[in-house]
Protein backbone atom coordinates (compact mmCIF):
# COMPACT_ATOMS: atom_id res chain seq x y z
CA ALA A 1 -114.40 2.93 79.48
CA GLY A 2 -115.46 6.39 80.70
CA PRO A 3 -116.81 9.05 78.38
CA GLY A 4 -114.22 10.63 76.10
CA ARG A 5 -111.69 7.82 76.61
CA ARG A 6 -110.68 5.50 73.85
CA PRO A 7 -110.56 1.79 74.64
CA TYR A 8 -107.05 0.44 75.45
CA THR A 9 -105.53 -1.40 72.55
CA PRO A 10 -102.15 -3.15 73.23
CA ARG A 11 -99.50 -2.20 70.69
CA LEU A 12 -97.15 -4.71 69.21
CA VAL A 13 -93.55 -4.41 70.39
CA SER A 14 -91.64 -5.62 67.38
CA LYS A 15 -88.23 -3.95 67.63
CA ARG A 16 -87.54 -4.04 71.38
CA PRO A 17 -85.98 -7.57 71.49
CA LEU A 18 -83.52 -6.57 68.77
CA GLY A 19 -82.70 -3.40 70.70
CA CYS A 20 -81.95 -5.43 73.86
CA LEU A 21 -79.75 -7.82 71.91
CA PHE A 22 -77.81 -4.93 70.40
CA GLU A 23 -77.24 -3.44 73.87
CA VAL A 24 -75.98 -6.79 75.19
CA VAL A 25 -73.58 -7.22 72.25
CA GLU A 26 -72.42 -3.61 72.60
CA THR A 27 -71.72 -4.11 76.31
CA LEU A 28 -69.80 -7.35 75.68
CA VAL A 29 -67.68 -5.78 72.93
CA LEU A 30 -66.89 -2.77 75.12
CA THR A 31 -65.96 -5.06 78.02
CA VAL A 32 -63.61 -7.09 75.81
CA ILE A 33 -61.97 -3.92 74.47
CA ILE A 34 -61.43 -2.53 77.99
CA PHE A 35 -60.00 -5.89 79.12
CA LEU A 36 -57.58 -6.04 76.19
CA VAL A 37 -56.45 -2.45 76.70
CA ILE A 38 -55.81 -3.05 80.41
CA GLN A 39 -53.99 -6.35 79.87
CA ASN A 40 -51.81 -5.07 77.04
CA PHE A 41 -50.99 -1.60 78.34
CA VAL A 42 -51.78 -1.32 82.06
CA ALA A 43 -51.57 -4.54 84.09
CA GLN A 44 -51.53 -8.29 83.60
CA PRO A 45 -51.74 -11.32 85.91
CA TYR A 46 -48.87 -13.80 85.93
CA ARG A 47 -48.74 -17.28 87.47
CA ILE A 48 -45.45 -18.35 89.05
CA GLU A 49 -44.38 -21.62 87.45
CA GLN A 50 -40.67 -21.74 88.26
CA GLN A 51 -38.80 -22.22 91.53
CA SER A 52 -36.18 -19.61 90.75
CA MET A 53 -37.75 -16.89 92.92
CA GLU A 54 -38.19 -18.97 96.07
CA GLN A 55 -38.85 -18.06 98.77
CA THR A 56 -39.96 -14.60 97.72
CA LEU A 57 -42.42 -16.12 95.25
CA GLU A 58 -43.52 -19.75 95.20
CA PRO A 59 -44.86 -21.86 92.30
CA GLY A 60 -48.63 -21.58 91.99
CA GLN A 61 -48.80 -18.03 93.32
CA TYR A 62 -50.13 -15.15 91.21
CA VAL A 63 -48.64 -11.68 90.83
CA LEU A 64 -49.86 -8.56 89.07
CA ILE A 65 -47.53 -7.11 86.45
CA ASP A 66 -47.39 -3.32 86.15
CA LYS A 67 -46.94 -2.54 82.46
CA LEU A 68 -47.80 1.16 82.59
CA SER A 69 -45.45 2.90 85.05
CA PRO A 70 -42.21 1.69 83.37
CA ARG A 71 -43.13 4.00 80.49
CA TRP A 72 -42.06 6.96 82.65
CA ASP A 73 -40.47 5.31 85.73
CA ASP A 74 -37.63 3.08 84.55
CA TYR A 75 -36.73 -0.21 86.18
CA SER A 76 -34.68 0.03 89.37
CA ARG A 77 -32.19 -2.26 91.01
CA GLY A 78 -34.14 -4.80 93.05
CA ASP A 79 -37.29 -4.68 90.92
CA ILE A 80 -38.86 -8.04 90.13
CA ILE A 81 -39.49 -8.20 86.39
CA VAL A 82 -41.28 -10.55 84.01
CA PHE A 83 -39.65 -10.88 80.60
CA TRP A 84 -39.20 -13.03 77.53
CA PRO A 85 -35.95 -15.01 77.78
CA PRO A 86 -33.81 -16.11 74.82
CA GLU A 87 -35.84 -18.44 72.62
CA GLU A 88 -33.40 -21.31 72.97
CA THR A 89 -33.86 -21.50 76.73
CA HIS A 90 -37.64 -21.36 77.25
CA GLU A 91 -40.96 -20.57 75.60
CA VAL A 92 -42.75 -18.89 78.54
CA PRO A 93 -41.91 -15.63 80.34
CA PHE A 94 -39.35 -15.68 83.15
CA ILE A 95 -39.53 -13.80 86.43
CA LYS A 96 -36.29 -12.57 88.05
CA ARG A 97 -34.87 -9.69 90.07
CA VAL A 98 -32.96 -6.80 88.48
CA ILE A 99 -29.41 -6.71 89.83
CA GLY A 100 -27.41 -4.83 87.21
CA LEU A 101 -28.55 -1.68 85.39
CA PRO A 102 -27.17 -0.17 82.19
CA GLY A 103 -23.58 0.91 82.83
CA ASP A 104 -23.13 -1.25 85.94
CA ARG A 105 -20.15 -3.51 86.40
CA VAL A 106 -21.37 -6.73 88.02
CA ALA A 107 -18.98 -9.26 89.52
CA ILE A 108 -19.69 -12.57 91.25
CA ARG A 109 -16.98 -13.44 93.71
CA ASP A 110 -16.74 -15.58 96.86
CA GLY A 111 -20.45 -16.35 96.80
CA SER A 112 -21.52 -12.68 96.68
CA VAL A 113 -22.58 -10.18 94.03
CA TYR A 114 -20.66 -6.92 93.64
CA VAL A 115 -22.02 -3.93 91.73
CA ASN A 116 -19.45 -1.31 90.81
CA GLY A 117 -17.13 -2.73 93.45
CA ILE A 118 -19.69 -2.71 96.27
CA PRO A 119 -21.08 -5.99 97.68
CA LEU A 120 -24.86 -6.26 97.69
CA ASP A 121 -26.69 -7.13 100.88
CA GLU A 122 -29.35 -9.58 99.64
CA PRO A 123 -31.41 -10.96 102.54
CA TYR A 124 -33.96 -12.44 100.12
CA ILE A 125 -31.49 -15.00 98.71
CA PHE A 126 -32.50 -18.64 99.10
CA GLY A 127 -30.53 -21.79 98.40
CA GLY A 128 -26.96 -20.88 99.23
CA PRO A 129 -24.32 -18.49 97.86
CA THR A 130 -24.27 -16.99 94.37
CA GLU A 131 -22.00 -18.83 91.97
CA PRO A 132 -20.91 -17.71 88.48
CA GLY A 133 -22.57 -19.31 85.48
CA THR A 134 -21.48 -20.26 82.01
CA GLN A 135 -21.19 -16.62 80.94
CA GLY A 136 -18.36 -15.75 83.33
CA ASP A 137 -18.02 -13.84 86.59
CA VAL A 138 -17.60 -10.17 85.56
CA VAL A 139 -19.69 -8.08 83.17
CA VAL A 140 -20.46 -4.48 82.25
CA VAL A 141 -24.15 -4.10 81.45
CA PRO A 142 -24.69 -2.47 78.03
CA PRO A 143 -27.27 0.24 77.27
CA ASP A 144 -30.96 -0.73 77.30
CA SER A 145 -30.20 -4.01 79.04
CA TYR A 146 -30.32 -5.51 82.53
CA PHE A 147 -28.57 -8.21 84.51
CA ALA A 148 -31.23 -10.28 86.30
CA LEU A 149 -30.94 -13.10 88.84
CA GLY A 150 -33.41 -15.39 90.57
CA ASP A 151 -33.62 -15.26 94.36
CA HIS A 152 -33.13 -19.04 94.51
CA ARG A 153 -29.56 -18.73 93.28
CA SER A 154 -28.78 -22.47 93.16
CA ASP A 155 -31.87 -23.23 91.06
CA SER A 156 -32.22 -20.35 88.63
CA THR A 157 -31.60 -20.01 84.91
CA ASP A 158 -30.81 -16.33 84.67
CA SER A 159 -28.31 -13.78 83.32
CA ARG A 160 -25.47 -16.00 84.50
CA VAL A 161 -26.58 -18.46 81.83
CA PHE A 162 -28.34 -16.61 78.99
CA GLY A 163 -26.80 -13.14 79.33
CA PHE A 164 -28.50 -9.76 79.50
CA VAL A 165 -32.20 -9.03 79.41
CA ALA A 166 -33.02 -6.51 76.70
CA ARG A 167 -35.40 -3.77 77.84
CA ASP A 168 -37.66 -4.42 74.86
CA ASP A 169 -38.14 -8.00 76.08
CA ILE A 170 -39.46 -6.95 79.52
CA ILE A 171 -43.21 -7.30 79.96
CA GLY A 172 -43.35 -5.32 83.20
CA ARG A 173 -42.55 -5.27 86.91
CA ALA A 174 -44.30 -7.45 89.45
CA VAL A 175 -45.89 -5.19 92.06
CA VAL A 176 -48.36 -7.31 94.03
CA ARG A 177 -48.72 -10.96 94.99
CA TYR A 178 -52.50 -11.31 95.13
CA TRP A 179 -53.11 -15.08 95.26
CA PRO A 180 -53.50 -17.01 97.47
CA ILE A 181 -55.43 -14.18 99.08
CA GLY A 182 -54.01 -15.04 102.50
CA GLU A 183 -50.51 -14.26 101.16
CA PHE A 184 -51.41 -10.91 99.60
CA THR A 185 -48.24 -8.80 99.59
CA ILE A 186 -47.02 -5.62 97.96
CA LEU A 187 -43.65 -6.47 96.37
CA GLU A 188 -41.49 -3.58 97.52
CA THR A 189 -38.19 -2.79 95.84
CA PRO A 190 -35.28 -3.29 98.27
CA THR A 191 -32.54 -0.73 98.79
CA TYR A 192 -28.85 -1.57 98.75
CA THR A 193 -26.50 0.33 101.04
CA GLY A 194 -23.92 2.26 99.06
CA VAL A 195 -25.35 1.28 95.69
CA PRO A 196 -27.76 3.71 93.98
CA ALA A 197 -31.06 2.43 92.62
CA THR A 198 -30.31 3.92 89.20
CA GLY A 199 -27.45 3.16 86.86
CA PRO A 200 -24.15 5.05 87.04
CA SER A 201 -23.11 7.83 84.74
CA GLY A 202 -19.60 6.42 85.02
CA VAL A 203 -18.59 2.98 86.24
CA HIS A 204 -16.49 2.69 89.37
CA ILE A 205 -14.27 -0.38 89.48
CA GLY A 206 -13.10 -1.62 92.86
CA ALA A 207 -9.51 -2.72 93.34
CA ASP A 208 -10.57 -6.36 93.68
CA ASP A 209 -12.94 -6.11 90.77
CA ARG A 210 -10.52 -5.55 87.92
CA GLU A 211 -10.74 -8.13 85.14
CA PRO A 212 -9.41 -8.50 81.59
CA ALA A 213 -10.82 -6.29 78.88
CA ASP A 214 -13.12 -9.07 77.64
CA ALA A 215 -15.30 -8.74 80.76
CA THR A 216 -18.14 -7.50 78.56
CA ARG A 217 -18.41 -10.89 76.90
CA PHE A 218 -22.03 -11.45 78.01
CA ARG A 219 -24.38 -11.40 75.07
CA PRO A 220 -27.75 -9.59 75.01
CA ALA A 221 -30.83 -11.74 75.42
CA ARG A 222 -32.67 -12.25 72.13
CA ALA A 223 -36.39 -11.85 71.81
CA ALA A 224 -38.40 -15.06 71.96
């Protein structure tokens, strides 16, 4: 060593490995927290397991569920929603399309769906005409509930069978089909000529739509 310089003496590094381990654990914990926050409050993946939304959505495909925007932008007619069905029908979430909003009068007649007396134009339907289910053919949707149907009308367990979908049971709206990657699609909400996207302040009943007073006999869907 040159004059005035002290010889180099390597110092022991005793705490550095523990510091690195702490940083790794801290990063992992933060990552898990962010993941849980996103999945529970922002967005969540969902795998299609049923055939009830053919051919819009096929079994084995994956969609992304938007759980955040419904907090300020309520569900609209035509939205595809994922929700918990009544516990006696299934133990996994269902995916269907919103047809009736709170206050709507929904009727199924001659193979078509009428909302407040106006027939819906539904080009996405697969599997033949729409037939009534065990719950009847006319209903007025109560507050905080929705009438939901599968696009594959002849192979769908939906509001025609188990009744209304309570808003509290909805997980979110499907906004994107992201897998398989070659079938990536933004799931746009359709518009229906003559029928507003939001529920009515008062229900209009068409002349051919009048039914007995027990038309509200559908029961709300219970939480699973």
